[in-house]
Amino acid sequence: WYRQAPGKQRELVVSISSGGGTNCADSVKGRFTISRD
């Protein structure tokens, strides 16, 4: 998941690999969770 606010560049919010590993932006840590089915 990426996001783009007005006047800002598109940025990574959080990602999840095929194996389930995740990366997330510091700004959303503890608040956002990615999952896949």
Full PDB file with SEQRES, HELIX, SHEET, SSBOND, CRYST1, ORIGX, SCALE, CONECT and MASTER records, all heavy atoms in Angstrom:
SEQRES   1 A   37  TRP TYR ARG GLN ALA PRO GLY LYS GLN ARG GLU LEU VAL          
SEQRES   2 A   37  VAL SER ILE SER SER GLY GLY GLY THR ASN CYS ALA ASP          
SEQRES   3 A   37  SER VAL LYS GLY ARG PHE THR ILE SER ARG ASP                  
HELIX    1 AA1 ASP A   26  VAL A   28  5                                   3    
SHEET    1 AA1 2 VAL A  14  ILE A  16  0                                        
SHEET    2 AA1 2 THR A  22  CYS A  24 -1                                        
CRYST1    1.000    1.000    1.000  90.00  90.00  90.00 P 1           1          
ORIGX1      1.000000  0.000000  0.000000        0.00000                         
ORIGX2      0.000000  1.000000  0.000000        0.00000                         
ORIGX3      0.000000  0.000000  1.000000        0.00000                         
SCALE1      1.000000  0.000000  0.000000        0.00000                         
SCALE2      0.000000  1.000000  0.000000        0.00000                         
SCALE3      0.000000  0.000000  1.000000        0.00000                         
ATOM      1  N   TRP A   1       0.843  -1.178   0.000  1.00  0.00           N  
ATOM      2  CA  TRP A   1       0.000   0.000   0.000  1.00  0.00           C  
ATOM      3  C   TRP A   1       0.882   1.233   0.000  1.00  0.00           C  
ATOM      4  O   TRP A   1       1.791   1.355   0.824  1.00  0.00           O  
ATOM      5  CB  TRP A   1      -0.922   0.024   1.221  1.00  0.00           C  
ATOM      6  CG  TRP A   1      -2.011  -0.993   1.167  1.00  0.00           C  
ATOM      7  CD1 TRP A   1      -2.025  -2.228   1.743  1.00  0.00           C  
ATOM      8  CD2 TRP A   1      -3.269  -0.857   0.495  1.00  0.00           C  
ATOM      9  NE1 TRP A   1      -3.209  -2.875   1.475  1.00  0.00           N  
ATOM     10  CE2 TRP A   1      -3.997  -2.049   0.711  1.00  0.00           C  
ATOM     11  CE3 TRP A   1      -3.853   0.157  -0.262  1.00  0.00           C  
ATOM     12  CZ2 TRP A   1      -5.272  -2.249   0.192  1.00  0.00           C  
ATOM     13  CZ3 TRP A   1      -5.120  -0.047  -0.774  1.00  0.00           C  
ATOM     14  CH2 TRP A   1      -5.814  -1.245  -0.546  1.00  0.00           C  
ATOM     15  N   TYR A   2       0.625   2.122  -0.928  1.00  0.00           N  
ATOM     16  CA  TYR A   2       1.289   3.407  -1.031  1.00  0.00           C  
ATOM     17  C   TYR A   2       0.249   4.502  -0.890  1.00  0.00           C  
ATOM     18  O   TYR A   2      -0.942   4.262  -1.064  1.00  0.00           O  
ATOM     19  CB  TYR A   2       2.000   3.551  -2.378  1.00  0.00           C  
ATOM     20  CG  TYR A   2       3.199   2.646  -2.562  1.00  0.00           C  
ATOM     21  CD1 TYR A   2       3.051   1.280  -2.738  1.00  0.00           C  
ATOM     22  CD2 TYR A   2       4.486   3.173  -2.574  1.00  0.00           C  
ATOM     23  CE1 TYR A   2       4.145   0.451  -2.917  1.00  0.00           C  
ATOM     24  CE2 TYR A   2       5.593   2.357  -2.758  1.00  0.00           C  
ATOM     25  CZ  TYR A   2       5.412   1.003  -2.928  1.00  0.00           C  
ATOM     26  OH  TYR A   2       6.502   0.191  -3.109  1.00  0.00           O  
ATOM     27  N   ARG A   3       0.707   5.696  -0.582  1.00  0.00           N  
ATOM     28  CA  ARG A   3      -0.226   6.815  -0.510  1.00  0.00           C  
ATOM     29  C   ARG A   3       0.422   8.079  -1.048  1.00  0.00           C  
ATOM     30  O   ARG A   3       1.641   8.225  -1.040  1.00  0.00           O  
ATOM     31  CB  ARG A   3      -0.725   7.039   0.917  1.00  0.00           C  
ATOM     32  CG  ARG A   3       0.328   7.536   1.899  1.00  0.00           C  
ATOM     33  CD  ARG A   3      -0.240   7.584   3.308  1.00  0.00           C  
ATOM     34  NE  ARG A   3       0.724   8.101   4.277  1.00  0.00           N  
ATOM     35  CZ  ARG A   3       0.531   8.131   5.589  1.00  0.00           C  
ATOM     36  NH1 ARG A   3      -0.610   7.663   6.095  1.00  0.00           N  
ATOM     37  NH2 ARG A   3       1.468   8.620   6.389  1.00  0.00           N  
ATOM     38  N   GLN A   4      -0.423   8.974  -1.511  1.00  0.00           N  
ATOM     39  CA  GLN A   4       0.035  10.254  -2.022  1.00  0.00           C  
ATOM     40  C   GLN A   4      -0.923  11.343  -1.567  1.00  0.00           C  
ATOM     41  O   GLN A   4      -2.107  11.323  -1.900  1.00  0.00           O  
ATOM     42  CB  GLN A   4       0.134  10.245  -3.546  1.00  0.00           C  
ATOM     43  CG  GLN A   4       0.769  11.491  -4.122  1.00  0.00           C  
ATOM     44  CD  GLN A   4       1.151  11.333  -5.579  1.00  0.00           C  
ATOM     45  OE1 GLN A   4       0.564  10.538  -6.304  1.00  0.00           O  
ATOM     46  NE2 GLN A   4       2.156  12.080  -6.002  1.00  0.00           N  
ATOM     47  N   ALA A   5      -0.385  12.272  -0.797  1.00  0.00           N  
ATOM     48  CA  ALA A   5      -1.137  13.426  -0.348  1.00  0.00           C  
ATOM     49  C   ALA A   5      -0.877  14.582  -1.307  1.00  0.00           C  
ATOM     50  O   ALA A   5       0.147  14.607  -2.000  1.00  0.00           O  
ATOM     51  CB  ALA A   5      -0.729  13.804   1.072  1.00  0.00           C  
ATOM     52  N   PRO A   6      -1.774  15.558  -1.366  1.00  0.00           N  
ATOM     53  CA  PRO A   6      -1.567  16.708  -2.252  1.00  0.00           C  
ATOM     54  C   PRO A   6      -0.228  17.389  -1.997  1.00  0.00           C  
ATOM     55  O   PRO A   6       0.127  17.680  -0.858  1.00  0.00           O  
ATOM     56  CB  PRO A   6      -2.736  17.634  -1.905  1.00  0.00           C  
ATOM     57  CG  PRO A   6      -3.796  16.714  -1.397  1.00  0.00           C  
ATOM     58  CD  PRO A   6      -3.060  15.646  -0.655  1.00  0.00           C  
ATOM     59  N   GLY A   7       0.523  17.627  -3.075  1.00  0.00           N  
ATOM     60  CA  GLY A   7       1.801  18.296  -2.968  1.00  0.00           C  
ATOM     61  C   GLY A   7       2.943  17.441  -2.483  1.00  0.00           C  
ATOM     62  O   GLY A   7       4.053  17.953  -2.296  1.00  0.00           O  
ATOM     63  N   LYS A   8       2.707  16.157  -2.277  1.00  0.00           N  
ATOM     64  CA  LYS A   8       3.741  15.262  -1.785  1.00  0.00           C  
ATOM     65  C   LYS A   8       3.974  14.118  -2.765  1.00  0.00           C  
ATOM     66  O   LYS A   8       3.135  13.818  -3.606  1.00  0.00           O  
ATOM     67  CB  LYS A   8       3.361  14.698  -0.416  1.00  0.00           C  
ATOM     68  CG  LYS A   8       3.280  15.731   0.694  1.00  0.00           C  
ATOM     69  CD  LYS A   8       3.026  15.062   2.027  1.00  0.00           C  
ATOM     70  CE  LYS A   8       3.005  16.065   3.162  1.00  0.00           C  
ATOM     71  NZ  LYS A   8       2.765  15.400   4.471  1.00  0.00           N  
ATOM     72  N   GLN A   9       5.140  13.484  -2.635  1.00  0.00           N  
ATOM     73  CA  GLN A   9       5.453  12.314  -3.437  1.00  0.00           C  
ATOM     74  C   GLN A   9       4.712  11.091  -2.922  1.00  0.00           C  
ATOM     75  O   GLN A   9       4.358  11.007  -1.747  1.00  0.00           O  
ATOM     76  CB  GLN A   9       6.956  12.029  -3.417  1.00  0.00           C  
ATOM     77  CG  GLN A   9       7.796  13.002  -4.209  1.00  0.00           C  
ATOM     78  CD  GLN A   9       9.220  12.518  -4.352  1.00  0.00           C  
ATOM     79  OE1 GLN A   9      10.027  12.683  -3.442  1.00  0.00           O  
ATOM     80  NE2 GLN A   9       9.526  11.907  -5.484  1.00  0.00           N  
ATOM     81  N   ARG A  10       4.486  10.151  -3.808  1.00  0.00           N  
ATOM     82  CA  ARG A  10       3.918   8.883  -3.394  1.00  0.00           C  
ATOM     83  C   ARG A  10       4.920   8.151  -2.505  1.00  0.00           C  
ATOM     84  O   ARG A  10       6.114   8.094  -2.816  1.00  0.00           O  
ATOM     85  CB  ARG A  10       3.569   8.033  -4.616  1.00  0.00           C  
ATOM     86  CG  ARG A  10       2.819   6.759  -4.282  1.00  0.00           C  
ATOM     87  CD  ARG A  10       2.379   6.015  -5.539  1.00  0.00           C  
ATOM     88  NE  ARG A  10       1.482   6.812  -6.360  1.00  0.00           N  
ATOM     89  CZ  ARG A  10       0.828   6.353  -7.419  1.00  0.00           C  
ATOM     90  NH1 ARG A  10       0.960   5.091  -7.791  1.00  0.00           N  
ATOM     91  NH2 ARG A  10       0.039   7.162  -8.113  1.00  0.00           N  
ATOM     92  N   GLU A  11       4.435   7.613  -1.409  1.00  0.00           N  
ATOM     93  CA  GLU A  11       5.305   6.954  -0.460  1.00  0.00           C  
ATOM     94  C   GLU A  11       4.769   5.589  -0.074  1.00  0.00           C  
ATOM     95  O   GLU A  11       3.557   5.365  -0.064  1.00  0.00           O  
ATOM     96  CB  GLU A  11       5.470   7.805   0.806  1.00  0.00           C  
ATOM     97  CG  GLU A  11       4.186   7.995   1.588  1.00  0.00           C  
ATOM     98  CD  GLU A  11       4.376   8.738   2.903  1.00  0.00           C  
ATOM     99  OE1 GLU A  11       5.536   8.995   3.292  1.00  0.00           O  
ATOM    100  OE2 GLU A  11       3.357   9.070   3.551  1.00  0.00           O  
ATOM    101  N   LEU A  12       5.699   4.708   0.252  1.00  0.00           N  
ATOM    102  CA  LEU A  12       5.312   3.390   0.760  1.00  0.00           C  
ATOM    103  C   LEU A  12       4.703   3.534   2.143  1.00  0.00           C  
ATOM    104  O   LEU A  12       5.270   4.191   3.018  1.00  0.00           O  
ATOM    105  CB  LEU A  12       6.525   2.471   0.827  1.00  0.00           C  
ATOM    106  CG  LEU A  12       6.294   1.109   1.497  1.00  0.00           C  
ATOM    107  CD1 LEU A  12       5.381   0.232   0.638  1.00  0.00           C  
ATOM    108  CD2 LEU A  12       7.616   0.403   1.755  1.00  0.00           C  
ATOM    109  N   VAL A  13       3.563   2.911   2.344  1.00  0.00           N  
ATOM    110  CA  VAL A  13       2.948   2.846   3.658  1.00  0.00           C  
ATOM    111  C   VAL A  13       3.359   1.552   4.342  1.00  0.00           C  
ATOM    112  O   VAL A  13       3.958   1.560   5.424  1.00  0.00           O  
ATOM    113  CB  VAL A  13       1.413   2.944   3.570  1.00  0.00           C  
ATOM    114  CG1 VAL A  13       0.788   2.860   4.955  1.00  0.00           C  
ATOM    115  CG2 VAL A  13       0.997   4.232   2.874  1.00  0.00           C  
ATOM    116  N   VAL A  14       3.035   0.435   3.712  1.00  0.00           N  
ATOM    117  CA  VAL A  14       3.398  -0.868   4.235  1.00  0.00           C  
ATOM    118  C   VAL A  14       3.308  -1.891   3.104  1.00  0.00           C  
ATOM    119  O   VAL A  14       2.474  -1.755   2.206  1.00  0.00           O  
ATOM    120  CB  VAL A  14       2.503  -1.268   5.433  1.00  0.00           C  
ATOM    121  CG1 VAL A  14       1.036  -1.337   5.030  1.00  0.00           C  
ATOM    122  CG2 VAL A  14       2.966  -2.531   6.093  1.00  0.00           C  
ATOM    123  N   SER A  15       4.174  -2.889   3.147  1.00  0.00           N  
ATOM    124  CA  SER A  15       4.161  -3.945   2.143  1.00  0.00           C  
ATOM    125  C   SER A  15       4.267  -5.301   2.821  1.00  0.00           C  
ATOM    126  O   SER A  15       4.693  -5.402   3.975  1.00  0.00           O  
ATOM    127  CB  SER A  15       5.295  -3.771   1.133  1.00  0.00           C  
ATOM    128  OG  SER A  15       6.557  -3.906   1.752  1.00  0.00           O  
ATOM    129  N   ILE A  16       3.893  -6.324   2.088  1.00  0.00           N  
ATOM    130  CA  ILE A  16       3.973  -7.686   2.592  1.00  0.00           C  
ATOM    131  C   ILE A  16       4.462  -8.590   1.472  1.00  0.00           C  
ATOM    132  O   ILE A  16       3.958  -8.557   0.353  1.00  0.00           O  
ATOM    133  CB  ILE A  16       2.609  -8.153   3.162  1.00  0.00           C  
ATOM    134  CG1 ILE A  16       2.729  -9.552   3.766  1.00  0.00           C  
ATOM    135  CG2 ILE A  16       1.509  -8.090   2.107  1.00  0.00           C  
ATOM    136  CD1 ILE A  16       1.517  -9.935   4.618  1.00  0.00           C  
ATOM    137  N   SER A  17       5.460  -9.397   1.768  1.00  0.00           N  
ATOM    138  CA  SER A  17       6.047 -10.272   0.771  1.00  0.00           C  
ATOM    139  C   SER A  17       5.238 -11.543   0.616  1.00  0.00           C  
ATOM    140  O   SER A  17       4.301 -11.811   1.373  1.00  0.00           O  
ATOM    141  CB  SER A  17       7.490 -10.616   1.157  1.00  0.00           C  
ATOM    142  OG  SER A  17       7.516 -11.508   2.253  1.00  0.00           O  
ATOM    143  N   SER A  18       5.626 -12.341  -0.366  1.00  0.00           N  
ATOM    144  CA  SER A  18       4.951 -13.619  -0.569  1.00  0.00           C  
ATOM    145  C   SER A  18       5.104 -14.535   0.639  1.00  0.00           C  
ATOM    146  O   SER A  18       4.241 -15.373   0.887  1.00  0.00           O  
ATOM    147  CB  SER A  18       5.496 -14.312  -1.820  1.00  0.00           C  
ATOM    148  OG  SER A  18       6.878 -14.586  -1.695  1.00  0.00           O  
ATOM    149  N   GLY A  19       6.192 -14.364   1.390  1.00  0.00           N  
ATOM    150  CA  GLY A  19       6.430 -15.164   2.571  1.00  0.00           C  
ATOM    151  C   GLY A  19       5.836 -14.597   3.841  1.00  0.00           C  
ATOM    152  O   GLY A  19       5.947 -15.221   4.902  1.00  0.00           O  
ATOM    153  N   GLY A  20       5.236 -13.413   3.766  1.00  0.00           N  
ATOM    154  CA  GLY A  20       4.575 -12.820   4.916  1.00  0.00           C  
ATOM    155  C   GLY A  20       5.371 -11.761   5.648  1.00  0.00           C  
ATOM    156  O   GLY A  20       4.859 -11.152   6.596  1.00  0.00           O  
ATOM    157  N   GLY A  21       6.614 -11.516   5.238  1.00  0.00           N  
ATOM    158  CA  GLY A  21       7.383 -10.463   5.857  1.00  0.00           C  
ATOM    159  C   GLY A  21       6.847  -9.095   5.489  1.00  0.00           C  
ATOM    160  O   GLY A  21       6.342  -8.892   4.383  1.00  0.00           O  
ATOM    161  N   THR A  22       6.951  -8.145   6.405  1.00  0.00           N  
ATOM    162  CA  THR A  22       6.369  -6.823   6.190  1.00  0.00           C  
ATOM    163  C   THR A  22       7.393  -5.715   6.366  1.00  0.00           C  
ATOM    164  O   THR A  22       8.365  -5.847   7.111  1.00  0.00           O  
ATOM    165  CB  THR A  22       5.193  -6.565   7.141  1.00  0.00           C  
ATOM    166  OG1 THR A  22       5.650  -6.650   8.498  1.00  0.00           O  
ATOM    167  CG2 THR A  22       4.088  -7.586   6.923  1.00  0.00           C  
ATOM    168  N   ASN A  23       7.179  -4.631   5.652  1.00  0.00           N  
ATOM    169  CA  ASN A  23       7.893  -3.376   5.826  1.00  0.00           C  
ATOM    170  C   ASN A  23       6.860  -2.274   5.981  1.00  0.00           C  
ATOM    171  O   ASN A  23       5.822  -2.310   5.326  1.00  0.00           O  
ATOM    172  CB  ASN A  23       8.785  -3.065   4.622  1.00  0.00           C  
ATOM    173  CG  ASN A  23       9.994  -3.948   4.545  1.00  0.00           C  
ATOM    174  OD1 ASN A  23      10.626  -4.245   5.553  1.00  0.00           O  
ATOM    175  ND2 ASN A  23      10.349  -4.360   3.334  1.00  0.00           N  
ATOM    176  N   CYS A  24       7.139  -1.321   6.833  1.00  0.00           N  
ATOM    177  CA  CYS A  24       6.192  -0.230   7.010  1.00  0.00           C  
ATOM    178  C   CYS A  24       6.910   1.073   7.288  1.00  0.00           C  
ATOM    179  O   CYS A  24       8.035   1.096   7.791  1.00  0.00           O  
ATOM    180  CB  CYS A  24       5.179  -0.539   8.115  1.00  0.00           C  
ATOM    181  SG  CYS A  24       5.884  -0.674   9.758  1.00  0.00           S  
ATOM    182  N   ALA A  25       6.229   2.153   6.963  1.00  0.00           N  
ATOM    183  CA  ALA A  25       6.753   3.475   7.231  1.00  0.00           C  
ATOM    184  C   ALA A  25       6.683   3.769   8.722  1.00  0.00           C  
ATOM    185  O   ALA A  25       5.756   3.346   9.412  1.00  0.00           O  
ATOM    186  CB  ALA A  25       5.960   4.520   6.455  1.00  0.00           C  
ATOM    187  N   ASP A  26       7.670   4.516   9.216  1.00  0.00           N  
ATOM    188  CA  ASP A  26       7.693   4.863  10.627  1.00  0.00           C  
ATOM    189  C   ASP A  26       6.429   5.614  11.055  1.00  0.00           C  
ATOM    190  O   ASP A  26       5.969   5.469  12.188  1.00  0.00           O  
ATOM    191  CB  ASP A  26       8.916   5.715  10.952  1.00  0.00           C  
ATOM    192  CG  ASP A  26      10.207   4.934  10.892  1.00  0.00           C  
ATOM    193  OD1 ASP A  26      10.167   3.692  10.969  1.00  0.00           O  
ATOM    194  OD2 ASP A  26      11.273   5.566  10.772  1.00  0.00           O  
ATOM    195  N   SER A  27       5.866   6.387  10.146  1.00  0.00           N  
ATOM    196  CA  SER A  27       4.715   7.208  10.474  1.00  0.00           C  
ATOM    197  C   SER A  27       3.455   6.409  10.786  1.00  0.00           C  
ATOM    198  O   SER A  27       2.527   6.948  11.396  1.00  0.00           O  
ATOM    199  CB  SER A  27       4.425   8.185   9.330  1.00  0.00           C  
ATOM    200  OG  SER A  27       4.160   7.492   8.125  1.00  0.00           O  
ATOM    201  N   VAL A  28       3.421   5.141  10.379  1.00  0.00           N  
ATOM    202  CA  VAL A  28       2.218   4.337  10.595  1.00  0.00           C  
ATOM    203  C   VAL A  28       2.455   3.125  11.484  1.00  0.00           C  
ATOM    204  O   VAL A  28       1.514   2.374  11.761  1.00  0.00           O  
ATOM    205  CB  VAL A  28       1.591   3.879   9.262  1.00  0.00           C  
ATOM    206  CG1 VAL A  28       1.316   5.072   8.362  1.00  0.00           C  
ATOM    207  CG2 VAL A  28       2.479   2.856   8.559  1.00  0.00           C  
ATOM    208  N   LYS A  29       3.682   2.943  11.943  1.00  0.00           N  
ATOM    209  CA  LYS A  29       3.983   1.803  12.801  1.00  0.00           C  
ATOM    210  C   LYS A  29       3.116   1.823  14.057  1.00  0.00           C  
ATOM    211  O   LYS A  29       2.960   2.850  14.702  1.00  0.00           O  
ATOM    212  CB  LYS A  29       5.457   1.798  13.193  1.00  0.00           C  
ATOM    213  CG  LYS A  29       6.380   1.345  12.088  1.00  0.00           C  
ATOM    214  CD  LYS A  29       7.827   1.293  12.549  1.00  0.00           C  
ATOM    215  CE  LYS A  29       8.739   0.808  11.429  1.00  0.00           C  
ATOM    216  NZ  LYS A  29      10.163   0.810  11.828  1.00  0.00           N  
ATOM    217  N   GLY A  30       2.549   0.667  14.368  1.00  0.00           N  
ATOM    218  CA  GLY A  30       1.678   0.555  15.522  1.00  0.00           C  
ATOM    219  C   GLY A  30       0.246   0.929  15.250  1.00  0.00           C  
ATOM    220  O   GLY A  30      -0.613   0.705  16.111  1.00  0.00           O  
ATOM    221  N   ARG A  31      -0.037   1.499  14.082  1.00  0.00           N  
ATOM    222  CA  ARG A  31      -1.399   1.922  13.754  1.00  0.00           C  
ATOM    223  C   ARG A  31      -1.982   1.180  12.565  1.00  0.00           C  
ATOM    224  O   ARG A  31      -3.183   0.909  12.540  1.00  0.00           O  
ATOM    225  CB  ARG A  31      -1.440   3.428  13.474  1.00  0.00           C  
ATOM    226  CG  ARG A  31      -0.986   4.282  14.649  1.00  0.00           C  
ATOM    227  CD  ARG A  31      -1.251   5.764  14.400  1.00  0.00           C  
ATOM    228  NE  ARG A  31      -0.512   6.267  13.238  1.00  0.00           N  
ATOM    229  CZ  ARG A  31      -1.078   6.799  12.164  1.00  0.00           C  
ATOM    230  NH1 ARG A  31      -2.404   6.912  12.095  1.00  0.00           N  
ATOM    231  NH2 ARG A  31      -0.332   7.240  11.163  1.00  0.00           N  
ATOM    232  N   PHE A  32      -1.142   0.889  11.574  1.00  0.00           N  
ATOM    233  CA  PHE A  32      -1.602   0.237  10.351  1.00  0.00           C  
ATOM    234  C   PHE A  32      -1.077  -1.190  10.293  1.00  0.00           C  
ATOM    235  O   PHE A  32       0.062  -1.461  10.695  1.00  0.00           O  
ATOM    236  CB  PHE A  32      -1.097   0.977   9.111  1.00  0.00           C  
ATOM    237  CG  PHE A  32      -1.713   2.330   8.867  1.00  0.00           C  
ATOM    238  CD1 PHE A  32      -2.498   2.958   9.818  1.00  0.00           C  
ATOM    239  CD2 PHE A  32      -1.488   2.972   7.657  1.00  0.00           C  
ATOM    240  CE1 PHE A  32      -3.052   4.205   9.591  1.00  0.00           C  
ATOM    241  CE2 PHE A  32      -2.040   4.219   7.411  1.00  0.00           C  
ATOM    242  CZ  PHE A  32      -2.827   4.842   8.374  1.00  0.00           C  
ATOM    243  N   THR A  33      -1.879  -2.083   9.759  1.00  0.00           N  
ATOM    244  CA  THR A  33      -1.494  -3.468   9.597  1.00  0.00           C  
ATOM    245  C   THR A  33      -1.892  -3.964   8.215  1.00  0.00           C  
ATOM    246  O   THR A  33      -3.041  -3.798   7.800  1.00  0.00           O  
ATOM    247  CB  THR A  33      -2.153  -4.371  10.658  1.00  0.00           C  
ATOM    248  OG1 THR A  33      -1.828  -3.902  11.968  1.00  0.00           O  
ATOM    249  CG2 THR A  33      -1.662  -5.808  10.513  1.00  0.00           C  
ATOM    250  N   ILE A  34      -0.940  -4.572   7.523  1.00  0.00           N  
ATOM    251  CA  ILE A  34      -1.227  -5.169   6.228  1.00  0.00           C  
ATOM    252  C   ILE A  34      -1.400  -6.669   6.398  1.00  0.00           C  
ATOM    253  O   ILE A  34      -0.744  -7.294   7.237  1.00  0.00           O  
ATOM    254  CB  ILE A  34      -0.108  -4.859   5.207  1.00  0.00           C  
ATOM    255  CG1 ILE A  34      -0.534  -5.249   3.789  1.00  0.00           C  
ATOM    256  CG2 ILE A  34       1.197  -5.537   5.592  1.00  0.00           C  
ATOM    257  CD1 ILE A  34       0.421  -4.757   2.706  1.00  0.00           C  
ATOM    258  N   SER A  35      -2.289  -7.243   5.620  1.00  0.00           N  
ATOM    259  CA  SER A  35      -2.476  -8.680   5.616  1.00  0.00           C  
ATOM    260  C   SER A  35      -2.893  -9.115   4.221  1.00  0.00           C  
ATOM    261  O   SER A  35      -3.317  -8.291   3.407  1.00  0.00           O  
ATOM    262  CB  SER A  35      -3.518  -9.113   6.657  1.00  0.00           C  
ATOM    263  OG  SER A  35      -4.783  -8.537   6.386  1.00  0.00           O  
ATOM    264  N   ARG A  36      -2.748 -10.386   3.956  1.00  0.00           N  
ATOM    265  CA  ARG A  36      -3.147 -10.894   2.649  1.00  0.00           C  
ATOM    266  C   ARG A  36      -3.874 -12.216   2.795  1.00  0.00           C  
ATOM    267  O   ARG A  36      -3.591 -13.007   3.705  1.00  0.00           O  
ATOM    268  CB  ARG A  36      -1.931 -11.042   1.718  1.00  0.00           C  
ATOM    269  CG  ARG A  36      -0.906 -12.074   2.155  1.00  0.00           C  
ATOM    270  CD  ARG A  36       0.397 -11.938   1.348  1.00  0.00           C  
ATOM    271  NE  ARG A  36       0.178 -12.187  -0.067  1.00  0.00           N  
ATOM    272  CZ  ARG A  36       1.008 -11.805  -1.033  1.00  0.00           C  
ATOM    273  NH1 ARG A  36       2.119 -11.126  -0.729  1.00  0.00           N  
ATOM    274  NH2 ARG A  36       0.736 -12.082  -2.295  1.00  0.00           N  
ATOM    275  N   ASP A  37      -4.814 -12.429   1.913  1.00  0.00           N  
ATOM    276  CA  ASP A  37      -5.556 -13.675   1.842  1.00  0.00           C  
ATOM    277  C   ASP A  37      -5.350 -14.213   0.437  1.00  0.00           C  
ATOM    278  O   ASP A  37      -6.015 -13.783  -0.510  1.00  0.00           O  
ATOM    279  CB  ASP A  37      -7.037 -13.448   2.144  1.00  0.00           C  
ATOM    280  CG  ASP A  37      -7.819 -14.742   2.251  1.00  0.00           C  
ATOM    281  OD1 ASP A  37      -7.377 -15.768   1.703  1.00  0.00           O  
ATOM    282  OD2 ASP A  37      -8.886 -14.732   2.890  1.00  0.00           O  
TER     283      ASP A  37                                                      
MASTER        0    0    0    1    2    0    0    6  282    1    0    3          
END                                                                             
